Protein backbone atom coordinates (compact mmCIF):
# COMPACT_ATOMS: atom_id res chain seq x y z
CA MET A 1 99.59 120.38 70.46
CA ILE A 2 102.78 118.38 69.95
CA ILE A 3 105.94 119.81 68.45
CA VAL A 4 108.20 117.18 66.87
CA MET A 5 111.79 118.28 66.43
CA LYS A 6 113.97 117.08 63.58
CA LYS A 7 116.32 114.21 64.28
CA ASN A 8 119.53 115.48 65.90
CA ALA A 9 118.13 118.99 66.26
CA PRO A 10 120.73 121.00 68.25
CA GLN A 11 119.98 122.13 71.78
CA ASP A 12 119.86 125.81 70.86
CA GLN A 13 116.98 125.15 68.44
CA ILE A 14 115.12 123.15 71.10
CA ASP A 15 115.65 125.93 73.63
CA ARG A 16 114.30 128.50 71.16
CA VAL A 17 111.11 126.48 70.68
CA LEU A 18 110.68 126.14 74.46
CA GLU A 19 111.02 129.89 74.89
CA GLU A 20 108.48 130.59 72.15
CA VAL A 21 105.99 128.26 73.80
CA LYS A 22 106.38 130.05 77.13
CA LYS A 23 105.82 133.42 75.46
CA GLY A 24 102.41 132.20 74.38
CA GLU A 25 101.31 131.58 77.99
CA LEU A 26 101.58 127.84 77.40
CA LYS A 27 103.58 125.21 79.27
CA PRO A 28 106.12 123.09 77.35
CA MET A 29 107.05 119.58 78.51
CA LEU A 30 109.84 117.48 77.02
CA LEU A 31 108.77 113.85 76.61
CA SER A 32 111.20 111.02 77.26
CA GLY A 33 111.50 107.68 75.52
CA THR A 34 111.36 108.87 71.92
CA GLU A 35 113.96 108.81 69.14
CA ARG A 36 113.40 112.49 68.51
CA THR A 37 112.80 115.36 70.88
CA VAL A 38 109.08 115.82 71.31
CA ILE A 39 107.60 118.82 73.10
CA ALA A 40 104.07 118.54 74.44
CA VAL A 41 102.42 121.94 74.74
CA ILE A 42 99.94 122.22 77.60
CA GLY A 43 97.28 124.88 77.60
CA ASP A 44 94.75 126.50 75.30
CA GLU A 45 96.10 126.12 71.76
CA ARG A 46 93.83 128.94 70.61
CA LEU A 47 96.24 131.33 72.32
CA THR A 48 98.96 130.68 69.75
CA ASP A 49 99.61 130.36 66.03
CA ILE A 50 100.60 126.84 64.98
CA LYS A 51 102.13 128.17 61.75
CA HIS A 52 104.59 130.20 63.82
CA PHE A 53 105.99 127.05 65.44
CA ARG A 54 106.15 125.17 62.16
CA ALA A 55 108.44 127.92 60.84
CA LEU A 56 110.98 127.68 63.67
CA LEU A 57 114.37 126.14 62.94
CA GLY A 58 114.64 122.47 63.87
CA VAL A 59 110.89 121.81 63.90
CA GLU A 60 109.80 118.88 61.74
CA ASN A 61 106.08 118.91 62.47
CA VAL A 62 103.40 120.45 64.71
CA ILE A 63 100.42 118.26 65.48
CA PRO A 64 97.25 119.75 66.99
CA ILE A 65 95.64 117.64 69.72
CA LEU A 66 91.87 117.92 69.66
CA LYS A 67 91.35 115.91 72.85
CA PRO A 68 91.21 117.76 76.21
CA TYR A 69 94.28 115.81 77.37
CA THR A 70 97.68 116.04 75.71
CA LEU A 71 100.30 114.21 77.76
CA VAL A 72 98.36 110.97 78.20
CA ALA A 73 97.16 110.82 74.59
CA ARG A 74 98.33 108.09 72.23
CA ASP A 75 98.89 110.86 69.67
CA THR A 76 101.65 112.22 71.89
CA LYS A 77 103.53 108.96 72.31
CA GLU A 78 103.14 106.10 69.87
CA ASN A 79 104.97 103.51 71.98
CA ASN A 80 103.47 102.17 75.19
CA THR A 81 104.75 103.67 78.41
CA VAL A 82 106.51 101.14 80.64
CA VAL A 83 106.57 102.15 84.30
CA LYS A 84 109.55 100.87 86.30
CA ILE A 85 108.57 99.87 89.84
CA ALA A 86 111.74 98.17 91.11
CA PRO A 87 114.73 96.35 89.59
CA GLY A 88 113.29 93.70 87.26
CA ILE A 89 109.69 94.85 87.75
CA SER A 90 108.07 97.13 85.16
CA ILE A 91 104.38 97.49 84.32
CA GLY A 92 103.39 97.94 80.68
CA GLY A 93 105.83 95.57 79.00
CA LYS A 94 105.48 91.96 77.91
CA LYS A 95 105.23 90.63 81.46
CA ILE A 96 101.91 90.88 83.29
CA HIS A 97 102.19 91.69 87.00
CA ILE A 98 99.88 90.64 89.83
CA ILE A 99 99.61 92.99 92.82
CA ALA A 100 98.26 91.01 95.78
CA GLY A 101 97.64 91.45 99.48
CA PRO A 102 95.04 92.29 102.13
CA CYS A 103 92.63 95.18 101.70
CA SER A 104 93.96 96.70 104.92
CA VAL A 105 97.25 96.11 106.66
CA GLU A 106 96.37 94.37 109.93
CA SER A 107 99.60 92.95 111.34
CA TYR A 108 103.10 92.01 110.32
CA GLU A 109 102.23 88.31 110.60
CA VAL A 110 99.25 88.48 108.22
CA GLN A 111 101.07 90.71 105.70
CA LYS A 112 104.19 88.54 105.72
CA GLN A 113 102.25 85.28 105.40
CA THR A 114 100.23 86.65 102.49
CA VAL A 115 103.21 88.14 100.64
CA ASP A 116 105.35 85.03 101.14
CA PHE A 117 102.67 82.86 99.54
CA ALA A 118 101.86 85.39 96.81
CA LYS A 119 105.51 85.63 95.83
CA ARG A 120 105.81 81.85 95.74
CA VAL A 121 102.96 81.53 93.21
CA GLY A 122 104.26 84.36 91.00
CA CYS A 123 102.88 87.68 92.30
CA THR A 124 105.41 90.50 92.14
CA ILE A 125 104.00 93.45 94.15
CA GLN A 126 102.30 93.61 97.55
CA ARG A 127 99.21 95.70 98.27
CA GLY A 128 97.71 96.84 101.56
CA GLY A 129 95.89 99.89 102.84
CA ALA A 130 97.41 101.90 105.67
CA PHE A 131 95.00 104.82 105.21
CA LYS A 132 91.47 103.69 104.36
CA PRO A 133 88.87 106.26 103.19
CA ARG A 134 85.72 104.37 104.21
CA THR A 135 82.13 105.30 103.43
CA SER A 136 81.29 105.07 107.13
CA PRO A 137 83.29 107.22 109.58
CA TYR A 138 82.96 104.37 112.10
CA ALA A 139 84.52 101.68 109.92
CA PHE A 140 88.18 100.64 110.27
CA GLN A 141 90.29 103.50 108.89
CA GLY A 142 93.64 101.73 108.72
CA MET A 143 96.78 101.62 110.86
CA GLY A 144 98.36 104.77 109.41
CA GLU A 145 102.14 105.01 109.51
CA GLU A 146 102.40 101.79 111.50
CA GLY A 147 100.81 99.99 108.55
CA LEU A 148 103.33 101.58 106.18
CA LYS A 149 106.17 100.40 108.41
CA ILE A 150 104.79 96.85 108.35
CA MET A 151 104.72 96.76 104.55
CA ALA A 152 108.22 98.22 104.38
CA LYS A 153 109.45 95.54 106.79
CA VAL A 154 107.82 92.82 104.69
CA ARG A 155 109.50 94.31 101.60
CA GLU A 156 112.83 94.16 103.41
CA LYS A 157 112.33 90.46 104.18
CA THR A 158 110.83 89.37 100.84
CA GLY A 159 112.05 91.89 98.26
CA VAL A 160 108.43 92.49 97.16
CA PRO A 161 107.71 96.21 96.49
CA VAL A 162 104.81 98.10 98.09
CA CYS A 163 101.65 99.54 96.53
CA THR A 164 99.52 101.52 98.98
CA GLU A 165 96.95 104.29 98.90
CA VAL A 166 97.54 107.94 99.74
CA THR A 167 94.37 109.80 100.64
CA ASP A 168 95.39 113.37 101.40
CA PRO A 169 97.88 115.87 99.92
CA ARG A 170 99.35 116.28 103.40
CA LEU A 171 100.19 112.56 103.53
CA VAL A 172 102.04 112.33 100.21
CA GLU A 173 105.48 112.97 101.70
CA LEU A 174 104.91 110.38 104.43
CA VAL A 175 103.57 107.64 102.15
CA ASP A 176 106.28 108.38 99.58
CA LYS A 177 108.90 107.43 102.20
CA TYR A 178 107.59 103.85 102.40
CA ALA A 179 105.78 103.04 99.13
CA ASP A 180 107.04 101.99 95.70
CA ILE A 181 103.67 102.84 94.10
CA LEU A 182 101.36 105.62 95.28
CA GLN A 183 97.75 104.54 94.79
CA ILE A 184 94.95 107.05 94.22
CA GLY A 185 91.62 105.45 95.11
CA THR A 186 88.32 105.81 93.30
CA LYS A 187 87.00 108.36 95.80
CA ASN A 188 90.01 110.60 95.13
CA MET A 189 90.21 110.37 91.33
CA GLN A 190 89.06 113.98 91.08
CA ASN A 191 90.86 115.25 94.17
CA TYR A 192 92.94 117.59 92.03
CA SER A 193 95.07 118.90 94.90
CA LEU A 194 96.11 115.33 95.67
CA LEU A 195 96.75 114.55 91.99
CA LYS A 196 99.00 117.59 91.67
CA GLU A 197 100.91 116.62 94.81
CA VAL A 198 101.67 113.06 93.65
CA GLY A 199 102.52 114.55 90.26
CA LYS A 200 105.37 116.46 91.88
CA THR A 201 106.96 113.16 92.94
CA LYS A 202 108.71 110.81 90.54
CA LYS A 203 107.13 107.80 92.25
CA PRO A 204 104.87 105.56 90.12
CA VAL A 205 101.18 106.41 90.62
CA LEU A 206 98.37 103.88 90.30
CA LEU A 207 95.26 105.90 89.46
CA LYS A 208 91.90 104.20 89.96
CA ARG A 209 88.92 105.22 87.86
CA GLY A 210 86.17 106.96 89.79
CA PHE A 211 83.08 104.79 90.15
CA SER A 212 80.99 107.33 88.19
CA ALA A 213 83.72 108.70 85.90
CA THR A 214 83.74 108.63 82.12
CA ILE A 215 86.85 107.54 80.23
CA ASP A 216 87.62 111.17 79.32
CA GLU A 217 87.31 112.27 82.96
CA PHE A 218 89.59 109.39 83.98
CA LEU A 219 92.24 110.42 81.47
CA MET A 220 91.97 114.08 82.47
CA SER A 221 92.82 113.05 86.04
CA ALA A 222 95.91 111.26 84.71
CA GLU A 223 96.73 114.46 82.82
CA TYR A 224 96.73 116.37 86.14
CA ILE A 225 99.44 114.04 87.45
CA MET A 226 101.55 114.14 84.31
CA SER A 227 101.23 117.91 83.94
CA GLU A 228 103.26 118.24 87.16
CA GLY A 229 106.13 116.27 85.61
CA ASN A 230 105.41 112.69 86.71
CA GLU A 231 105.19 110.41 83.66
CA ASN A 232 104.94 107.21 85.74
CA VAL A 233 101.17 106.73 85.74
CA ILE A 234 99.32 103.39 85.73
CA LEU A 235 95.58 103.40 85.01
CA CYS A 236 93.30 101.05 86.97
CA GLU A 237 89.76 100.09 85.97
CA ARG A 238 87.90 98.93 89.10
CA GLY A 239 84.29 98.87 88.09
CA ILE A 240 81.73 101.64 87.69
CA ARG A 241 78.37 102.28 89.29
CA THR A 242 75.42 101.17 87.14
CA HIS A 243 71.81 100.14 87.79
CA GLU A 244 72.98 96.56 88.46
CA THR A 245 73.02 95.53 92.14
CA THR A 246 74.09 91.88 91.88
CA THR A 247 77.73 92.94 92.03
CA ARG A 248 79.27 95.80 93.98
CA ASN A 249 80.15 97.57 90.73
CA THR A 250 80.05 96.70 87.03
CA LEU A 251 83.48 95.89 85.61
CA ASP A 252 83.90 97.90 82.40
CA ILE A 253 86.03 95.33 80.63
CA SER A 254 85.85 97.37 77.42
CA ALA A 255 87.75 100.15 79.20
CA VAL A 256 91.02 98.25 78.70
CA PRO A 257 91.13 98.32 74.86
CA VAL A 258 89.54 101.78 74.81
CA LEU A 259 92.16 103.21 77.18
CA LYS A 260 94.95 101.53 75.23
CA LYS A 261 93.67 103.08 72.01
CA LEU A 262 93.35 106.57 73.49
CA SER A 263 96.43 106.54 75.73
CA HIS A 264 99.97 105.15 75.91
CA LEU A 265 99.72 104.47 79.67
CA PRO A 266 99.60 100.92 81.10
CA VAL A 267 96.21 99.64 82.27
CA ILE A 268 95.44 97.17 85.06
CA ILE A 269 92.20 95.73 86.47
CA ASP A 270 90.95 95.47 90.06
CA PRO A 271 88.44 92.57 90.00
CA SER A 272 87.96 92.59 93.78
CA HIS A 273 86.31 96.01 93.96
CA ALA A 274 84.49 95.47 90.69
CA ALA A 275 82.77 92.32 91.92
CA GLY A 276 82.48 92.89 95.66
CA ASN A 277 82.14 89.12 95.82
CA ARG A 278 85.04 86.68 95.92
CA ASP A 279 83.13 84.16 93.79
CA TYR A 280 83.64 86.29 90.67
CA VAL A 281 87.24 87.44 91.13
CA VAL A 282 88.92 84.59 89.22
CA ALA A 283 86.57 84.84 86.22
CA LEU A 284 86.94 88.62 85.97
CA SER A 285 90.72 88.28 86.22
CA ARG A 286 90.75 85.82 83.32
CA ALA A 287 88.73 88.25 81.23
CA ALA A 288 91.06 91.14 82.15
CA ILE A 289 94.16 89.32 80.91
CA ALA A 290 92.41 88.13 77.74
CA VAL A 291 91.36 91.68 76.83
CA GLY A 292 94.90 93.04 77.26
CA ALA A 293 95.33 94.30 80.84
CA ASP A 294 98.92 94.82 81.97
CA GLY A 295 98.22 93.54 85.46
CA ILE A 296 95.74 92.61 88.17
CA LEU A 297 95.24 94.24 91.58
CA VAL A 298 93.64 91.61 93.81
CA GLU A 299 92.76 91.40 97.50
CA VAL A 300 94.08 88.28 99.26
CA HIS A 301 94.01 87.18 102.91
CA PRO A 302 94.92 83.92 104.72
CA ASP A 303 91.51 83.98 106.45
CA PRO A 304 89.15 86.31 104.54
CA GLU A 305 86.35 86.06 107.10
CA GLU A 306 88.66 87.63 109.69
CA ALA A 307 89.79 90.50 107.44
CA SER A 308 89.42 94.01 108.85
CA SER A 309 87.74 95.33 105.67
CA ASP A 310 86.15 94.09 102.43
CA ALA A 311 85.85 90.52 103.74
CA ASP A 312 83.22 89.55 101.12
CA GLN A 313 85.49 90.19 98.16
CA ILE A 314 88.84 88.92 99.45
CA ILE A 315 90.08 85.57 98.11
CA ASP A 316 92.09 83.12 100.18
CA LEU A 317 95.57 81.76 99.44
CA GLU A 318 94.29 78.59 97.78
CA THR A 319 92.16 80.63 95.38
CA LEU A 320 95.14 82.87 94.57
CA ASP A 321 97.12 79.78 93.59
CA LYS A 322 94.22 78.68 91.34
CA LEU A 323 94.01 82.18 89.87
CA MET A 324 97.69 82.25 88.94
CA SER A 325 97.57 78.82 87.30
CA GLU A 326 94.56 79.82 85.20
CA LEU A 327 96.03 83.15 84.08
CA LYS A 328 99.32 81.75 82.77
CA PRO A 329 97.94 79.98 79.66
CA ILE A 330 95.79 83.01 78.82
CA ALA A 331 98.82 85.28 78.98
CA LYS A 332 100.79 82.86 76.79
CA ALA A 333 97.95 82.70 74.24
CA ILE A 334 98.15 86.48 73.65
CA GLY A 335 101.94 86.55 73.46
CA ARG A 336 102.62 87.70 77.02
CA GLU A 337 103.91 86.09 80.19
CA LEU A 338 103.01 85.99 83.85
């Protein structure tokens, strides 16, 4: 449930409500970014009496939440959440952001060349995997901390912030030292220990939808992160597994408006993993912007055929330039900017 306090309710009344929530074996969480104090109550609402909270001094309204998630629900926060990444870069506002870079960090030279070009054509965040959870144990697993250091060095030279995946709760502290966005990959969407660990940080988290996850399961994973106190969550649709084999996955383009109706969190699209084929990346990106995505996460490499991983779906620098030029008028047509 959500407890809405009256405008200018004094702190002692707020504190009293918080104490009453705790007595009921529930967890209260103050939500930021609202004109009034709003307290989200996490736990089984059946354990308490809503009428009791409505009677407390300073309480304007108590709203039951019927969905299994409270913190991520649009009912909890009417305005869209805007996640600040770095000075001048926030995801969820009017500006659409493109996160671009190689699938895996390979060398300083490749990362720097890619990010320099991407920045020049309008991309604002660099991506790259330092820890790669691959289906095969014999495939390239990433450079580890050395890869993180490379991205940090490129950030130092270009000013472009870092988005990279963390794959294990034991690695959160290490990755947090280097990254501006902690990415949770599709294989870890329901790794609840990992979700709780990144939830304890204040670092923005990019949460990818599991390839077999429903929308409700996806949002429940976001709830795990937010329930630990981290409100800076970005949802990423990256395609789901269906009977279709022509593409690597099937991009659920309808997930964008559905997620925006159900939740206040920003939503981006990963067309590279959805398609698994570079020929479709530009078209899927156009569709993502048209349907209301707040950003695109795309794999780019100066020489895709030489990439250490996901070579089939990585676009080259020339295609990235084409992509950016085609997305700008679409963004303008829906009242946004790139």
